[in-house]
Amino acid sequence: MHPDQDELIYTLEGLYLVRLGDTRFEGPPGSFVFIPRGTAHTWRNVGATPARFFAAMIPASPEFEQFFVRYAELPPHERGVAAFVRLADETQGANVVGPPLAPTSSP
């Protein structure tokens, strides 16, 4: 979650499963999700192909941007949940409050 920013996500390609608070729903291409600040959320590509979305933070968050810069710099074999949690904490870009969605989760 992001205590000081609202987040917007617009699905460009693929199919996402999104959890927003206690609600789960699918996000196919063209879906728009507004995530109010302080709301626990997560998402997972549940389609058979790679997926892409556009995201924005309001107001901007240099800390969250730094999180993504540092995560992208990691070799692929070092990426994953542990790296995500560690970098979120180190950059103060997000507060990780729960586990990721399980691969078999459904809406």
C-alpha atoms as a PDB file:
ATOM      1  CA  MET A   1       0.000   0.000   0.000  1.00  0.00           C
ATOM      2  CA  HIS A   2       0.989   3.608  -0.425  1.00  0.00           C
ATOM      3  CA  PRO A   3       0.116   5.801   2.565  1.00  0.00           C
ATOM      4  CA  ASP A   4       0.586   9.128   0.783  1.00  0.00           C
ATOM      5  CA  GLN A   5      -0.339   8.464  -2.852  1.00  0.00           C
ATOM      6  CA  ASP A   6      -3.363   7.368  -4.846  1.00  0.00           C
ATOM      7  CA  GLU A   7      -2.521   4.932  -7.643  1.00  0.00           C
ATOM      8  CA  LEU A   8      -4.080   4.481 -11.077  1.00  0.00           C
ATOM      9  CA  ILE A   9      -3.665   1.318 -13.165  1.00  0.00           C
ATOM     10  CA  TYR A  10      -4.859   0.906 -16.756  1.00  0.00           C
ATOM     11  CA  THR A  11      -4.469  -2.564 -18.328  1.00  0.00           C
ATOM     12  CA  LEU A  12      -2.905  -2.414 -21.784  1.00  0.00           C
ATOM     13  CA  GLU A  13      -2.418  -6.128 -22.568  1.00  0.00           C
ATOM     14  CA  GLY A  14      -3.118  -9.438 -20.892  1.00  0.00           C
ATOM     15  CA  LEU A  15      -5.317 -10.374 -17.972  1.00  0.00           C
ATOM     16  CA  TYR A  16      -4.681  -9.399 -14.362  1.00  0.00           C
ATOM     17  CA  LEU A  17      -6.243 -10.602 -11.166  1.00  0.00           C
ATOM     18  CA  VAL A  18      -6.458  -7.578  -8.871  1.00  0.00           C
ATOM     19  CA  ARG A  19      -7.059  -7.508  -5.129  1.00  0.00           C
ATOM     20  CA  LEU A  20      -8.166  -4.133  -3.813  1.00  0.00           C
ATOM     21  CA  GLY A  21      -8.817  -4.324  -0.080  1.00  0.00           C
ATOM     22  CA  ASP A  22     -11.019  -7.417   0.342  1.00  0.00           C
ATOM     23  CA  THR A  23     -12.338  -7.328  -3.237  1.00  0.00           C
ATOM     24  CA  ARG A  24     -10.901  -9.429  -6.077  1.00  0.00           C
ATOM     25  CA  PHE A  25     -11.688  -8.909  -9.753  1.00  0.00           C
ATOM     26  CA  GLU A  26     -10.236  -9.499 -13.196  1.00  0.00           C
ATOM     27  CA  GLY A  27      -8.651  -6.672 -15.162  1.00  0.00           C
ATOM     28  CA  PRO A  28      -8.674  -7.380 -18.919  1.00  0.00           C
ATOM     29  CA  PRO A  29      -7.326  -4.859 -21.467  1.00  0.00           C
ATOM     30  CA  GLY A  30      -9.079  -1.519 -21.113  1.00  0.00           C
ATOM     31  CA  SER A  31      -9.678  -1.939 -17.373  1.00  0.00           C
ATOM     32  CA  PHE A  32      -9.047   1.035 -15.124  1.00  0.00           C
ATOM     33  CA  VAL A  33      -8.409   0.664 -11.388  1.00  0.00           C
ATOM     34  CA  PHE A  34      -8.278   3.542  -8.919  1.00  0.00           C
ATOM     35  CA  ILE A  35      -6.474   2.644  -5.685  1.00  0.00           C
ATOM     36  CA  PRO A  36      -7.033   5.189  -2.903  1.00  0.00           C
ATOM     37  CA  ARG A  37      -4.036   5.947  -0.685  1.00  0.00           C
ATOM     38  CA  GLY A  38      -3.749   3.620   2.273  1.00  0.00           C
ATOM     39  CA  THR A  39      -5.598   0.763   0.534  1.00  0.00           C
ATOM     40  CA  ALA A  40      -3.914  -2.654   0.526  1.00  0.00           C
ATOM     41  CA  HIS A  41      -3.701  -3.971  -3.030  1.00  0.00           C
ATOM     42  CA  THR A  42      -1.877  -6.363  -5.292  1.00  0.00           C
ATOM     43  CA  TRP A  43      -2.169  -7.807  -8.778  1.00  0.00           C
ATOM     44  CA  ARG A  44      -0.997 -10.811 -10.757  1.00  0.00           C
ATOM     45  CA  ASN A  45      -0.887 -11.707 -14.436  1.00  0.00           C
ATOM     46  CA  VAL A  46      -3.292 -14.658 -14.720  1.00  0.00           C
ATOM     47  CA  GLY A  47      -3.397 -14.814 -18.505  1.00  0.00           C
ATOM     48  CA  ALA A  48      -1.525 -17.193 -20.781  1.00  0.00           C
ATOM     49  CA  THR A  49       0.554 -14.371 -22.304  1.00  0.00           C
ATOM     50  CA  PRO A  50       2.700 -11.533 -20.943  1.00  0.00           C
ATOM     51  CA  ALA A  51       0.675  -8.592 -19.652  1.00  0.00           C
ATOM     52  CA  ARG A  52       1.325  -4.850 -19.419  1.00  0.00           C
ATOM     53  CA  PHE A  53      -0.314  -1.971 -17.618  1.00  0.00           C
ATOM     54  CA  PHE A  54       0.212   1.758 -17.223  1.00  0.00           C
ATOM     55  CA  ALA A  55       0.418   3.011 -13.642  1.00  0.00           C
ATOM     56  CA  ALA A  56       0.570   6.495 -12.147  1.00  0.00           C
ATOM     57  CA  MET A  57       0.974   7.811  -8.615  1.00  0.00           C
ATOM     58  CA  ILE A  58      -0.697  10.990  -7.371  1.00  0.00           C
ATOM     59  CA  PRO A  59       1.157  12.901  -6.083  1.00  0.00           C
ATOM     60  CA  ALA A  60       4.351  11.640  -7.655  1.00  0.00           C
ATOM     61  CA  SER A  61       6.549   9.431  -5.503  1.00  0.00           C
ATOM     62  CA  PRO A  62      10.321   9.586  -6.050  1.00  0.00           C
ATOM     63  CA  GLU A  63      10.633   6.728  -3.548  1.00  0.00           C
ATOM     64  CA  PHE A  64       8.330   4.447  -5.560  1.00  0.00           C
ATOM     65  CA  GLU A  65      10.169   5.376  -8.756  1.00  0.00           C
ATOM     66  CA  GLN A  66      13.478   4.484  -7.080  1.00  0.00           C
ATOM     67  CA  PHE A  67      11.988   1.132  -6.038  1.00  0.00           C
ATOM     68  CA  PHE A  68      11.307   0.259  -9.695  1.00  0.00           C
ATOM     69  CA  VAL A  69      14.695   1.520 -10.859  1.00  0.00           C
ATOM     70  CA  ARG A  70      16.481  -0.660  -8.313  1.00  0.00           C
ATOM     71  CA  TYR A  71      14.274  -3.705  -8.961  1.00  0.00           C
ATOM     72  CA  ALA A  72      14.909  -3.441 -12.723  1.00  0.00           C
ATOM     73  CA  GLU A  73      18.665  -3.374 -12.073  1.00  0.00           C
ATOM     74  CA  LEU A  74      18.546  -6.790 -10.382  1.00  0.00           C
ATOM     75  CA  PRO A  75      19.530  -9.827 -12.448  1.00  0.00           C
ATOM     76  CA  PRO A  76      16.395 -11.867 -13.268  1.00  0.00           C
ATOM     77  CA  HIS A  77      17.419 -14.711 -10.941  1.00  0.00           C
ATOM     78  CA  GLU A  78      17.514 -12.266  -7.978  1.00  0.00           C
ATOM     79  CA  ARG A  79      14.012 -10.884  -8.567  1.00  0.00           C
ATOM     80  CA  GLY A  80      11.027 -12.186  -6.631  1.00  0.00           C
ATOM     81  CA  VAL A  81       8.995 -11.625  -3.505  1.00  0.00           C
ATOM     82  CA  ALA A  82      11.977 -11.330  -1.143  1.00  0.00           C
ATOM     83  CA  ALA A  83      13.660  -8.697  -3.329  1.00  0.00           C
ATOM     84  CA  PHE A  84      10.346  -6.860  -3.741  1.00  0.00           C
ATOM     85  CA  VAL A  85       9.832  -6.665   0.034  1.00  0.00           C
ATOM     86  CA  ARG A  86      13.453  -5.688   0.724  1.00  0.00           C
ATOM     87  CA  LEU A  87      13.520  -2.900  -1.874  1.00  0.00           C
ATOM     88  CA  ALA A  88      10.093  -1.582  -0.855  1.00  0.00           C
ATOM     89  CA  ASP A  89      11.450  -1.224   2.675  1.00  0.00           C
ATOM     90  CA  GLU A  90      14.844   0.208   1.656  1.00  0.00           C
ATOM     91  CA  THR A  91      13.384   2.835  -0.692  1.00  0.00           C
ATOM     92  CA  GLN A  92      10.249   3.495   1.400  1.00  0.00           C
ATOM     93  CA  GLY A  93       8.404   3.221  -1.930  1.00  0.00           C
ATOM     94  CA  ALA A  94       5.588   1.049  -0.589  1.00  0.00           C
ATOM     95  CA  ASN A  95       4.426  -0.721   2.543  1.00  0.00           C
ATOM     96  CA  VAL A  96       4.171  -4.475   1.959  1.00  0.00           C
ATOM     97  CA  VAL A  97       1.303  -5.633   4.161  1.00  0.00           C
ATOM     98  CA  GLY A  98       0.617  -9.160   2.967  1.00  0.00           C
ATOM     99  CA  PRO A  99       1.574 -11.992   0.654  1.00  0.00           C
ATOM    100  CA  PRO A 100       1.294 -11.863  -3.134  1.00  0.00           C
ATOM    101  CA  LEU A 101      -1.719 -13.418  -4.814  1.00  0.00           C
ATOM    102  CA  ALA A 102      -1.286 -17.175  -5.139  1.00  0.00           C
ATOM    103  CA  PRO A 103      -0.955 -18.542  -8.692  1.00  0.00           C
ATOM    104  CA  THR A 104      -4.268 -20.371  -8.344  1.00  0.00           C
ATOM    105  CA  SER A 105      -6.233 -17.393  -6.972  1.00  0.00           C
ATOM    106  CA  SER A 106      -9.461 -16.604  -8.733  1.00  0.00           C
ATOM    107  CA  PRO A 107     -11.874 -13.674  -8.449  1.00  0.00           C
END
